[in-house]
Amino acid sequence: NKMKCKCQPDWSGDQCQVPSCTKDCYHHGTCVRENKKMKCICHPQWSGDQCGAVTVPPCTKHCYHHGTCVRENNKMKCICHPQWSGDQCQVPSCTKDCYHHGTC
């Protein structure tokens, strides 16, 4: 017969070790305990007490899967992976730009 923890409000997990926020921050943030209260710390582009409001539109087409969408100066911006460029990482780039003797 295995004993189980019955967690107090605002806590979850096998040992009641995980802070638990209302509506789980809509899966757009992380729940933390601050000043004896639970609080959502929202991911970039999300806001509100439970991270349910979009504050900045996301990157177009998710940077075409060739970069990472980040928040910079209250705007969303793509940081491109190597070999990709353009404002949405949609343009292939050749190493050393073909030494300016060819087309990528």
PDB file of N, CA and C in Angstrom:
ATOM      1  N   ASN A   1       0.849  -1.182   0.000  1.00  0.00           N
ATOM      2  CA  ASN A   1       0.000   0.000   0.000  1.00  0.00           C
ATOM      3  C   ASN A   1       0.894   1.245   0.000  1.00  0.00           C
ATOM      4  N   LYS A   2       0.889   1.960  -1.090  1.00  0.00           N
ATOM      5  CA  LYS A   2       1.769   3.108  -1.252  1.00  0.00           C
ATOM      6  C   LYS A   2       1.067   4.391  -0.805  1.00  0.00           C
ATOM      7  N   MET A   3       1.759   5.184   0.005  1.00  0.00           N
ATOM      8  CA  MET A   3       1.207   6.447   0.479  1.00  0.00           C
ATOM      9  C   MET A   3       1.382   7.514  -0.605  1.00  0.00           C
ATOM     10  N   LYS A   4       0.422   8.435  -0.706  1.00  0.00           N
ATOM     11  CA  LYS A   4       0.470   9.513  -1.691  1.00  0.00           C
ATOM     12  C   LYS A   4       0.274  10.842  -0.991  1.00  0.00           C
ATOM     13  N   CYS A   5       0.917  11.867  -1.518  1.00  0.00           N
ATOM     14  CA  CYS A   5       0.745  13.221  -0.986  1.00  0.00           C
ATOM     15  C   CYS A   5      -0.537  13.837  -1.536  1.00  0.00           C
ATOM     16  N   LYS A   6      -1.272  14.501  -0.675  1.00  0.00           N
ATOM     17  CA  LYS A   6      -2.413  15.303  -1.100  1.00  0.00           C
ATOM     18  C   LYS A   6      -1.957  16.756  -0.962  1.00  0.00           C
ATOM     19  N   CYS A   7      -1.741  17.417  -2.098  1.00  0.00           N
ATOM     20  CA  CYS A   7      -1.123  18.744  -2.113  1.00  0.00           C
ATOM     21  C   CYS A   7      -2.079  19.843  -1.666  1.00  0.00           C
ATOM     22  N   GLN A   8      -1.494  20.845  -1.037  1.00  0.00           N
ATOM     23  CA  GLN A   8      -2.225  22.061  -0.689  1.00  0.00           C
ATOM     24  C   GLN A   8      -2.501  22.832  -1.983  1.00  0.00           C
ATOM     25  N   PRO A   9      -3.481  23.766  -1.927  1.00  0.00           N
ATOM     26  CA  PRO A   9      -3.727  24.584  -3.127  1.00  0.00           C
ATOM     27  C   PRO A   9      -2.423  25.254  -3.574  1.00  0.00           C
ATOM     28  N   ASP A  10      -2.255  25.447  -4.845  1.00  0.00           N
ATOM     29  CA  ASP A  10      -1.093  26.092  -5.470  1.00  0.00           C
ATOM     30  C   ASP A  10       0.129  25.186  -5.563  1.00  0.00           C
ATOM     31  N   TRP A  11       0.016  23.897  -5.247  1.00  0.00           N
ATOM     32  CA  TRP A  11       1.148  22.976  -5.343  1.00  0.00           C
ATOM     33  C   TRP A  11       0.705  21.693  -6.025  1.00  0.00           C
ATOM     34  N   SER A  12       1.622  21.065  -6.770  1.00  0.00           N
ATOM     35  CA  SER A  12       1.343  19.787  -7.430  1.00  0.00           C
ATOM     36  C   SER A  12       2.628  18.965  -7.473  1.00  0.00           C
ATOM     37  N   GLY A  13       2.565  17.802  -8.090  1.00  0.00           N
ATOM     38  CA  GLY A  13       3.716  16.905  -8.177  1.00  0.00           C
ATOM     39  C   GLY A  13       3.601  15.784  -7.162  1.00  0.00           C
ATOM     40  N   ASP A  14       4.382  14.732  -7.354  1.00  0.00           N
ATOM     41  CA  ASP A  14       4.348  13.571  -6.462  1.00  0.00           C
ATOM     42  C   ASP A  14       4.607  13.945  -5.008  1.00  0.00           C
ATOM     43  N   GLN A  15       5.503  14.906  -4.791  1.00  0.00           N
ATOM     44  CA  GLN A  15       5.860  15.324  -3.437  1.00  0.00           C
ATOM     45  C   GLN A  15       5.415  16.762  -3.140  1.00  0.00           C
ATOM     46  N   CYS A  16       4.460  17.272  -3.938  1.00  0.00           N
ATOM     47  CA  CYS A  16       3.939  18.644  -3.775  1.00  0.00           C
ATOM     48  C   CYS A  16       5.067  19.681  -3.886  1.00  0.00           C
ATOM     49  N   GLN A  17       6.001  19.434  -4.785  1.00  0.00           N
ATOM     50  CA  GLN A  17       7.174  20.283  -4.928  1.00  0.00           C
ATOM     51  C   GLN A  17       7.074  21.258  -6.095  1.00  0.00           C
ATOM     52  N   VAL A  18       6.021  21.176  -6.908  1.00  0.00           N
ATOM     53  CA  VAL A  18       5.896  21.995  -8.119  1.00  0.00           C
ATOM     54  C   VAL A  18       4.872  23.109  -7.903  1.00  0.00           C
ATOM     55  N   PRO A  19       5.287  24.381  -8.063  1.00  0.00           N
ATOM     56  CA  PRO A  19       4.313  25.474  -7.965  1.00  0.00           C
ATOM     57  C   PRO A  19       3.247  25.296  -9.035  1.00  0.00           C
ATOM     58  N   SER A  20       2.013  25.574  -8.700  1.00  0.00           N
ATOM     59  CA  SER A  20       0.903  25.374  -9.623  1.00  0.00           C
ATOM     60  C   SER A  20       0.078  26.648  -9.708  1.00  0.00           C
ATOM     61  N   CYS A  21       0.050  27.253 -10.882  1.00  0.00           N
ATOM     62  CA  CYS A  21      -0.716  28.477 -11.104  1.00  0.00           C
ATOM     63  C   CYS A  21      -2.057  28.143 -11.736  1.00  0.00           C
ATOM     64  N   THR A  22      -3.007  29.044 -11.557  1.00  0.00           N
ATOM     65  CA  THR A  22      -4.312  28.891 -12.172  1.00  0.00           C
ATOM     66  C   THR A  22      -4.142  28.754 -13.672  1.00  0.00           C
ATOM     67  N   LYS A  23      -4.815  27.819 -14.254  1.00  0.00           N
ATOM     68  CA  LYS A  23      -4.801  27.555 -15.698  1.00  0.00           C
ATOM     69  C   LYS A  23      -3.403  27.281 -16.236  1.00  0.00           C
ATOM     70  N   ASP A  24      -2.460  26.920 -15.374  1.00  0.00           N
ATOM     71  CA  ASP A  24      -1.096  26.551 -15.796  1.00  0.00           C
ATOM     72  C   ASP A  24      -0.440  27.599 -16.684  1.00  0.00           C
ATOM     73  N   CYS A  25      -0.734  28.864 -16.434  1.00  0.00           N
ATOM     74  CA  CYS A  25      -0.182  29.976 -17.230  1.00  0.00           C
ATOM     75  C   CYS A  25      -0.498  29.792 -18.706  1.00  0.00           C
ATOM     76  N   TYR A  26      -1.594  29.084 -19.012  1.00  0.00           N
ATOM     77  CA  TYR A  26      -2.004  28.786 -20.390  1.00  0.00           C
ATOM     78  C   TYR A  26      -0.869  28.166 -21.208  1.00  0.00           C
ATOM     79  N   HIS A  27       0.099  27.570 -20.554  1.00  0.00           N
ATOM     80  CA  HIS A  27       1.267  26.953 -21.197  1.00  0.00           C
ATOM     81  C   HIS A  27       2.104  27.986 -21.951  1.00  0.00           C
ATOM     82  N   HIS A  28       1.974  29.262 -21.563  1.00  0.00           N
ATOM     83  CA  HIS A  28       2.758  30.340 -22.183  1.00  0.00           C
ATOM     84  C   HIS A  28       3.651  31.013 -21.149  1.00  0.00           C
ATOM     85  N   GLY A  29       3.952  30.320 -20.064  1.00  0.00           N
ATOM     86  CA  GLY A  29       4.798  30.891 -19.023  1.00  0.00           C
ATOM     87  C   GLY A  29       5.196  29.840 -18.004  1.00  0.00           C
ATOM     88  N   THR A  30       5.932  30.290 -16.997  1.00  0.00           N
ATOM     89  CA  THR A  30       6.404  29.412 -15.932  1.00  0.00           C
ATOM     90  C   THR A  30       5.829  29.893 -14.607  1.00  0.00           C
ATOM     91  N   CYS A  31       5.312  28.979 -13.834  1.00  0.00           N
ATOM     92  CA  CYS A  31       4.741  29.308 -12.535  1.00  0.00           C
ATOM     93  C   CYS A  31       5.849  29.326 -11.487  1.00  0.00           C
ATOM     94  N   VAL A  32       5.919  30.408 -10.729  1.00  0.00           N
ATOM     95  CA  VAL A  32       6.923  30.534  -9.666  1.00  0.00           C
ATOM     96  C   VAL A  32       6.239  31.035  -8.395  1.00  0.00           C
ATOM     97  N   ARG A  33       6.893  30.804  -7.261  1.00  0.00           N
ATOM     98  CA  ARG A  33       6.391  31.329  -5.991  1.00  0.00           C
ATOM     99  C   ARG A  33       7.159  32.602  -5.675  1.00  0.00           C
ATOM    100  N   GLU A  34       6.425  33.680  -5.441  1.00  0.00           N
ATOM    101  CA  GLU A  34       7.036  34.974  -5.152  1.00  0.00           C
ATOM    102  C   GLU A  34       6.234  35.646  -4.039  1.00  0.00           C
ATOM    103  N   ASN A  35       6.909  36.011  -2.965  1.00  0.00           N
ATOM    104  CA  ASN A  35       6.249  36.637  -1.806  1.00  0.00           C
ATOM    105  C   ASN A  35       5.069  35.810  -1.310  1.00  0.00           C
ATOM    106  N   LYS A  36       5.290  34.494  -1.191  1.00  0.00           N
ATOM    107  CA  LYS A  36       4.293  33.548  -0.686  1.00  0.00           C
ATOM    108  C   LYS A  36       3.061  33.430  -1.581  1.00  0.00           C
ATOM    109  N   LYS A  37       3.152  33.893  -2.838  1.00  0.00           N
ATOM    110  CA  LYS A  37       2.056  33.766  -3.795  1.00  0.00           C
ATOM    111  C   LYS A  37       2.595  33.142  -5.076  1.00  0.00           C
ATOM    112  N   MET A  38       1.716  32.470  -5.798  1.00  0.00           N
ATOM    113  CA  MET A  38       2.087  31.900  -7.083  1.00  0.00           C
ATOM    114  C   MET A  38       1.926  32.970  -8.160  1.00  0.00           C
ATOM    115  N   LYS A  39       2.843  32.970  -9.112  1.00  0.00           N
ATOM    116  CA  LYS A  39       2.847  33.995 -10.151  1.00  0.00           C
ATOM    117  C   LYS A  39       3.353  33.378 -11.452  1.00  0.00           C
ATOM    118  N   CYS A  40       2.781  33.798 -12.573  1.00  0.00           N
ATOM    119  CA  CYS A  40       3.253  33.360 -13.879  1.00  0.00           C
ATOM    120  C   CYS A  40       4.303  34.336 -14.402  1.00  0.00           C
ATOM    121  N   ILE A  41       5.433  33.789 -14.857  1.00  0.00           N
ATOM    122  CA  ILE A  41       6.443  34.562 -15.577  1.00  0.00           C
ATOM    123  C   ILE A  41       6.240  34.183 -17.039  1.00  0.00           C
ATOM    124  N   CYS A  42       5.753  35.125 -17.838  1.00  0.00           N
ATOM    125  CA  CYS A  42       5.334  34.836 -19.211  1.00  0.00           C
ATOM    126  C   CYS A  42       6.506  34.716 -20.175  1.00  0.00           C
ATOM    127  N   HIS A  43       6.344  33.828 -21.160  1.00  0.00           N
ATOM    128  CA  HIS A  43       7.295  33.703 -22.258  1.00  0.00           C
ATOM    129  C   HIS A  43       7.204  34.965 -23.117  1.00  0.00           C
ATOM    130  N   PRO A  44       8.251  35.240 -23.935  1.00  0.00           N
ATOM    131  CA  PRO A  44       8.185  36.404 -24.826  1.00  0.00           C
ATOM    132  C   PRO A  44       6.904  36.364 -25.649  1.00  0.00           C
ATOM    133  N   GLN A  45       6.344  37.498 -25.918  1.00  0.00           N
ATOM    134  CA  GLN A  45       5.132  37.770 -26.693  1.00  0.00           C
ATOM    135  C   GLN A  45       3.834  37.446 -25.962  1.00  0.00           C
ATOM    136  N   TRP A  46       3.914  37.038 -24.671  1.00  0.00           N
ATOM    137  CA  TRP A  46       2.713  36.762 -23.879  1.00  0.00           C
ATOM    138  C   TRP A  46       2.708  37.646 -22.648  1.00  0.00           C
ATOM    139  N   SER A  47       1.508  38.009 -22.186  1.00  0.00           N
ATOM    140  CA  SER A  47       1.394  38.843 -20.986  1.00  0.00           C
ATOM    141  C   SER A  47       0.110  38.503 -20.251  1.00  0.00           C
ATOM    142  N   GLY A  48      -0.138  39.219 -19.167  1.00  0.00           N
ATOM    143  CA  GLY A  48      -1.323  39.003 -18.354  1.00  0.00           C
ATOM    144  C   GLY A  48      -0.994  38.180 -17.125  1.00  0.00           C
ATOM    145  N   ASP A  49      -1.897  38.198 -16.148  1.00  0.00           N
ATOM    146  CA  ASP A  49      -1.674  37.456 -14.906  1.00  0.00           C
ATOM    147  C   ASP A  49      -1.426  35.976 -15.161  1.00  0.00           C
ATOM    148  N   GLN A  50      -2.097  35.406 -16.156  1.00  0.00           N
ATOM    149  CA  GLN A  50      -1.956  33.987 -16.467  1.00  0.00           C
ATOM    150  C   GLN A  50      -1.342  33.752 -17.841  1.00  0.00           C
ATOM    151  N   CYS A  51      -0.699  34.786 -18.417  1.00  0.00           N
ATOM    152  CA  CYS A  51      -0.011  34.677 -19.716  1.00  0.00           C
ATOM    153  C   CYS A  51      -0.970  34.292 -20.839  1.00  0.00           C
ATOM    154  N   GLY A  52      -2.178  34.810 -20.790  1.00  0.00           N
ATOM    155  CA  GLY A  52      -3.174  34.478 -21.806  1.00  0.00           C
ATOM    156  C   GLY A  52      -3.340  35.515 -22.889  1.00  0.00           C
ATOM    157  N   ALA A  53      -2.596  36.621 -22.830  1.00  0.00           N
ATOM    158  CA  ALA A  53      -2.751  37.690 -23.821  1.00  0.00           C
ATOM    159  C   ALA A  53      -1.497  37.799 -24.686  1.00  0.00           C
ATOM    160  N   VAL A  54      -1.691  37.915 -26.003  1.00  0.00           N
ATOM    161  CA  VAL A  54      -0.571  38.115 -26.929  1.00  0.00           C
ATOM    162  C   VAL A  54      -0.205  39.591 -26.894  1.00  0.00           C
ATOM    163  N   THR A  55       1.073  39.895 -26.624  1.00  0.00           N
ATOM    164  CA  THR A  55       1.497  41.292 -26.573  1.00  0.00           C
ATOM    165  C   THR A  55       2.172  41.736 -27.856  1.00  0.00           C
ATOM    166  N   VAL A  56       2.864  40.841 -28.501  1.00  0.00           N
ATOM    167  CA  VAL A  56       3.567  41.164 -29.739  1.00  0.00           C
ATOM    168  C   VAL A  56       3.305  40.022 -30.709  1.00  0.00           C
ATOM    169  N   PRO A  57       2.926  40.328 -31.951  1.00  0.00           N
ATOM    170  CA  PRO A  57       2.693  39.232 -32.896  1.00  0.00           C
ATOM    171  C   PRO A  57       3.945  38.380 -33.061  1.00  0.00           C
ATOM    172  N   PRO A  58       3.780  37.069 -33.214  1.00  0.00           N
ATOM    173  CA  PRO A  58       4.939  36.195 -33.376  1.00  0.00           C
ATOM    174  C   PRO A  58       5.612  36.410 -34.725  1.00  0.00           C
ATOM    175  N   CYS A  59       6.754  35.810 -34.905  1.00  0.00           N
ATOM    176  CA  CYS A  59       7.480  35.902 -36.171  1.00  0.00           C
ATOM    177  C   CYS A  59       6.671  35.219 -37.276  1.00  0.00           C
ATOM    178  N   THR A  60       6.722  35.792 -38.460  1.00  0.00           N
ATOM    179  CA  THR A  60       6.025  35.229 -39.609  1.00  0.00           C
ATOM    180  C   THR A  60       6.544  33.837 -39.907  1.00  0.00           C
ATOM    181  N   LYS A  61       5.641  32.917 -40.090  1.00  0.00           N
ATOM    182  CA  LYS A  61       5.972  31.536 -40.469  1.00  0.00           C
ATOM    183  C   LYS A  61       7.053  30.915 -39.599  1.00  0.00           C
ATOM    184  N   HIS A  62       7.167  31.349 -38.348  1.00  0.00           N
ATOM    185  CA  HIS A  62       8.133  30.783 -37.394  1.00  0.00           C
ATOM    186  C   HIS A  62       9.549  30.782 -37.961  1.00  0.00           C
ATOM    187  N   CYS A  63       9.916  31.875 -38.629  1.00  0.00           N
ATOM    188  CA  CYS A  63      11.257  32.038 -39.218  1.00  0.00           C
ATOM    189  C   CYS A  63      11.541  30.925 -40.228  1.00  0.00           C
ATOM    190  N   TYR A  64      10.482  30.411 -40.845  1.00  0.00           N
ATOM    191  CA  TYR A  64      10.595  29.340 -41.839  1.00  0.00           C
ATOM    192  C   TYR A  64      11.408  28.152 -41.319  1.00  0.00           C
ATOM    193  N   HIS A  65      11.447  27.985 -40.012  1.00  0.00           N
ATOM    194  CA  HIS A  65      12.184  26.896 -39.355  1.00  0.00           C
ATOM    195  C   HIS A  65      13.689  26.953 -39.620  1.00  0.00           C
ATOM    196  N   HIS A  66      14.178  28.149 -39.982  1.00  0.00           N
ATOM    197  CA  HIS A  66      15.608  28.347 -40.222  1.00  0.00           C
ATOM    198  C   HIS A  66      16.185  29.359 -39.235  1.00  0.00           C
ATOM    199  N   GLY A  67      15.497  29.571 -38.131  1.00  0.00           N
ATOM    200  CA  GLY A  67      15.972  30.526 -37.144  1.00  0.00           C
ATOM    201  C   GLY A  67      15.157  30.438 -35.868  1.00  0.00           C
ATOM    202  N   THR A  68      15.454  31.345 -34.940  1.00  0.00           N
ATOM    203  CA  THR A  68      14.769  31.390 -33.653  1.00  0.00           C
ATOM    204  C   THR A  68      14.090  32.739 -33.511  1.00  0.00           C
ATOM    205  N   CYS A  69      12.838  32.719 -33.108  1.00  0.00           N
ATOM    206  CA  CYS A  69      12.065  33.941 -32.911  1.00  0.00           C
ATOM    207  C   CYS A  69      12.336  34.464 -31.499  1.00  0.00           C
ATOM    208  N   VAL A  70      12.819  35.702 -31.402  1.00  0.00           N
ATOM    209  CA  VAL A  70      13.129  36.293 -30.105  1.00  0.00           C
ATOM    210  C   VAL A  70      12.498  37.677 -30.000  1.00  0.00           C
ATOM    211  N   ARG A  71      12.311  38.127 -28.757  1.00  0.00           N
ATOM    212  CA  ARG A  71      11.772  39.462 -28.517  1.00  0.00           C
ATOM    213  C   ARG A  71      12.935  40.428 -28.353  1.00  0.00           C
ATOM    214  N   GLU A  72      12.892  41.532 -29.112  1.00  0.00           N
ATOM    215  CA  GLU A  72      13.935  42.539 -29.025  1.00  0.00           C
ATOM    216  C   GLU A  72      13.279  43.915 -29.148  1.00  0.00           C
ATOM    217  N   ASN A  73      13.480  44.759 -28.143  1.00  0.00           N
ATOM    218  CA  ASN A  73      12.875  46.098 -28.126  1.00  0.00           C
ATOM    219  C   ASN A  73      11.373  46.049 -28.354  1.00  0.00           C
ATOM    220  N   ASN A  74      10.706  45.114 -27.687  1.00  0.00           N
ATOM    221  CA  ASN A  74       9.253  44.947 -27.732  1.00  0.00           C
ATOM    222  C   ASN A  74       8.728  44.548 -29.115  1.00  0.00           C
ATOM    223  N   LYS A  75       9.593  43.980 -29.945  1.00  0.00           N
ATOM    224  CA  LYS A  75       9.198  43.442 -31.242  1.00  0.00           C
ATOM    225  C   LYS A  75       9.767  42.039 -31.357  1.00  0.00           C
ATOM    226  N   MET A  76       9.122  41.222 -32.165  1.00  0.00           N
ATOM    227  CA  MET A  76       9.627  39.879 -32.393  1.00  0.00           C
ATOM    228  C   MET A  76      10.534  39.903 -33.619  1.00  0.00           C
ATOM    229  N   LYS A  77      11.632  39.157 -33.545  1.00  0.00           N
ATOM    230  CA  LYS A  77      12.653  39.185 -34.583  1.00  0.00           C
ATOM    231  C   LYS A  77      13.229  37.784 -34.755  1.00  0.00           C
ATOM    232  N   CYS A  78      13.574  37.430 -35.999  1.00  0.00           N
ATOM    233  CA  CYS A  78      14.209  36.147 -36.269  1.00  0.00           C
ATOM    234  C   CYS A  78      15.726  36.285 -36.171  1.00  0.00           C
ATOM    235  N   ILE A  79      16.348  35.374 -35.453  1.00  0.00           N
ATOM    236  CA  ILE A  79      17.797  35.225 -35.434  1.00  0.00           C
ATOM    237  C   ILE A  79      18.059  33.975 -36.267  1.00  0.00           C
ATOM    238  N   CYS A  80      18.664  34.160 -37.442  1.00  0.00           N
ATOM    239  CA  CYS A  80      18.805  33.073 -38.414  1.00  0.00           C
ATOM    240  C   CYS A  80      19.923  32.105 -38.061  1.00  0.00           C
ATOM    241  N   HIS A  81      19.688  30.836 -38.413  1.00  0.00           N
ATOM    242  CA  HIS A  81      20.720  29.807 -38.309  1.00  0.00           C
ATOM    243  C   HIS A  81      21.782  30.086 -39.384  1.00  0.00           C
ATOM    244  N   PRO A  82      22.993  29.540 -39.200  1.00  0.00           N
ATOM    245  CA  PRO A  82      24.003  29.698 -40.254  1.00  0.00           C
ATOM    246  C   PRO A  82      23.447  29.189 -41.587  1.00  0.00           C
ATOM    247  N   GLN A  83      23.850  29.776 -42.645  1.00  0.00           N
ATOM    248  CA  GLN A  83      23.426  29.438 -44.004  1.00  0.00           C
ATOM    249  C   GLN A  83      22.058  30.010 -44.383  1.00  0.00           C
ATOM    250  N   TRP A  84      21.454  30.835 -43.504  1.00  0.00           N
ATOM    251  CA  TRP A  84      20.166  31.454 -43.815  1.00  0.00           C
ATOM    252  C   TRP A  84      20.216  32.932 -43.455  1.00  0.00           C
ATOM    253  N   SER A  85      19.470  33.762 -44.212  1.00  0.00           N
ATOM    254  CA  SER A  85      19.401  35.197 -43.933  1.00  0.00           C
ATOM    255  C   SER A  85      18.015  35.711 -44.314  1.00  0.00           C
ATOM    256  N   GLY A  86      17.832  37.014 -44.220  1.00  0.00           N
ATOM    257  CA  GLY A  86      16.535  37.632 -44.494  1.00  0.00           C
ATOM    258  C   GLY A  86      15.812  37.910 -43.196  1.00  0.00           C
ATOM    259  N   ASP A  87      14.833  38.806 -43.243  1.00  0.00           N
ATOM    260  CA  ASP A  87      14.144  39.183 -42.007  1.00  0.00           C
ATOM    261  C   ASP A  87      13.365  38.031 -41.397  1.00  0.00           C
ATOM    262  N   GLN A  88      13.021  37.012 -42.196  1.00  0.00           N
ATOM    263  CA  GLN A  88      12.329  35.828 -41.690  1.00  0.00           C
ATOM    264  C   GLN A  88      13.140  34.547 -41.943  1.00  0.00           C
ATOM    265  N   CYS A  89      14.443  34.690 -42.207  1.00  0.00           N
ATOM    266  CA  CYS A  89      15.343  33.543 -42.449  1.00  0.00           C
ATOM    267  C   CYS A  89      14.875  32.714 -43.642  1.00  0.00           C
ATOM    268  N   GLN A  90      14.372  33.396 -44.656  1.00  0.00           N
ATOM    269  CA  GLN A  90      13.823  32.718 -45.827  1.00  0.00           C
ATOM    270  C   GLN A  90      14.793  32.653 -46.998  1.00  0.00           C
ATOM    271  N   VAL A  91      15.967  33.272 -46.870  1.00  0.00           N
ATOM    272  CA  VAL A  91      16.920  33.336 -47.977  1.00  0.00           C
ATOM    273  C   VAL A  91      18.141  32.469 -47.661  1.00  0.00           C
ATOM    274  N   PRO A  92      18.430  31.460 -48.512  1.00  0.00           N
ATOM    275  CA  PRO A  92      19.628  30.658 -48.265  1.00  0.00           C
ATOM    276  C   PRO A  92      20.882  31.503 -48.487  1.00  0.00           C
ATOM    277  N   SER A  93      21.894  31.273 -47.695  1.00  0.00           N
ATOM    278  CA  SER A  93      23.159  31.990 -47.821  1.00  0.00           C
ATOM    279  C   SER A  93      24.265  30.975 -48.060  1.00  0.00           C
ATOM    280  N   CYS A  94      25.153  31.295 -48.962  1.00  0.00           N
ATOM    281  CA  CYS A  94      26.283  30.412 -49.237  1.00  0.00           C
ATOM    282  C   CYS A  94      27.485  30.842 -48.407  1.00  0.00           C
ATOM    283  N   THR A  95      28.325  29.877 -48.087  1.00  0.00           N
ATOM    284  CA  THR A  95      29.537  30.170 -47.338  1.00  0.00           C
ATOM    285  C   THR A  95      30.364  31.205 -48.078  1.00  0.00           C
ATOM    286  N   LYS A  96      30.772  32.229 -47.360  1.00  0.00           N
ATOM    287  CA  LYS A  96      31.606  33.302 -47.892  1.00  0.00           C
ATOM    288  C   LYS A  96      30.991  33.947 -49.131  1.00  0.00           C
ATOM    289  N   ASP A  97      29.663  33.836 -49.268  1.00  0.00           N
ATOM    290  CA  ASP A  97      28.909  34.480 -50.349  1.00  0.00           C
ATOM    291  C   ASP A  97      29.510  34.171 -51.716  1.00  0.00           C
ATOM    292  N   CYS A  98      29.969  32.931 -51.927  1.00  0.00           N
ATOM    293  CA  CYS A  98      30.567  32.466 -53.176  1.00  0.00           C
ATOM    294  C   CYS A  98      31.747  33.332 -53.596  1.00  0.00           C
ATOM    295  N   TYR A  99      32.377  33.960 -52.625  1.00  0.00           N
ATOM    296  CA  TYR A  99      33.512  34.851 -52.879  1.00  0.00           C
ATOM    297  C   TYR A  99      33.178  35.918 -53.926  1.00  0.00           C
ATOM    298  N   HIS A 100      31.877  36.233 -54.035  1.00  0.00           N
ATOM    299  CA  HIS A 100      31.376  37.235 -54.992  1.00  0.00           C
ATOM    300  C   HIS A 100      31.681  36.854 -56.432  1.00  0.00           C
ATOM    301  N   HIS A 101      31.877  35.537 -56.707  1.00  0.00           N
ATOM    302  CA  HIS A 101      32.155  35.067 -58.044  1.00  0.00           C
ATOM    303  C   HIS A 101      31.072  34.102 -58.518  1.00  0.00           C
ATOM    304  N   GLY A 102      29.938  34.070 -57.841  1.00  0.00           N
ATOM    305  CA  GLY A 102      28.899  33.161 -58.223  1.00  0.00           C
ATOM    306  C   GLY A 102      27.584  33.537 -57.543  1.00  0.00           C
ATOM    307  N   THR A 103      26.579  32.720 -57.791  1.00  0.00           N
ATOM    308  CA  THR A 103      25.248  32.953 -57.225  1.00  0.00           C
ATOM    309  C   THR A 103      24.908  31.810 -56.285  1.00  0.00           C
ATOM    310  N   CYS A 104      24.360  32.160 -55.170  1.00  0.00           N
ATOM    311  CA  CYS A 104      23.960  31.151 -54.208  1.00  0.00           C
ATOM    312  C   CYS A 104      22.627  30.559 -54.613  1.00  0.00           C
TER     313      CYS A 104
END
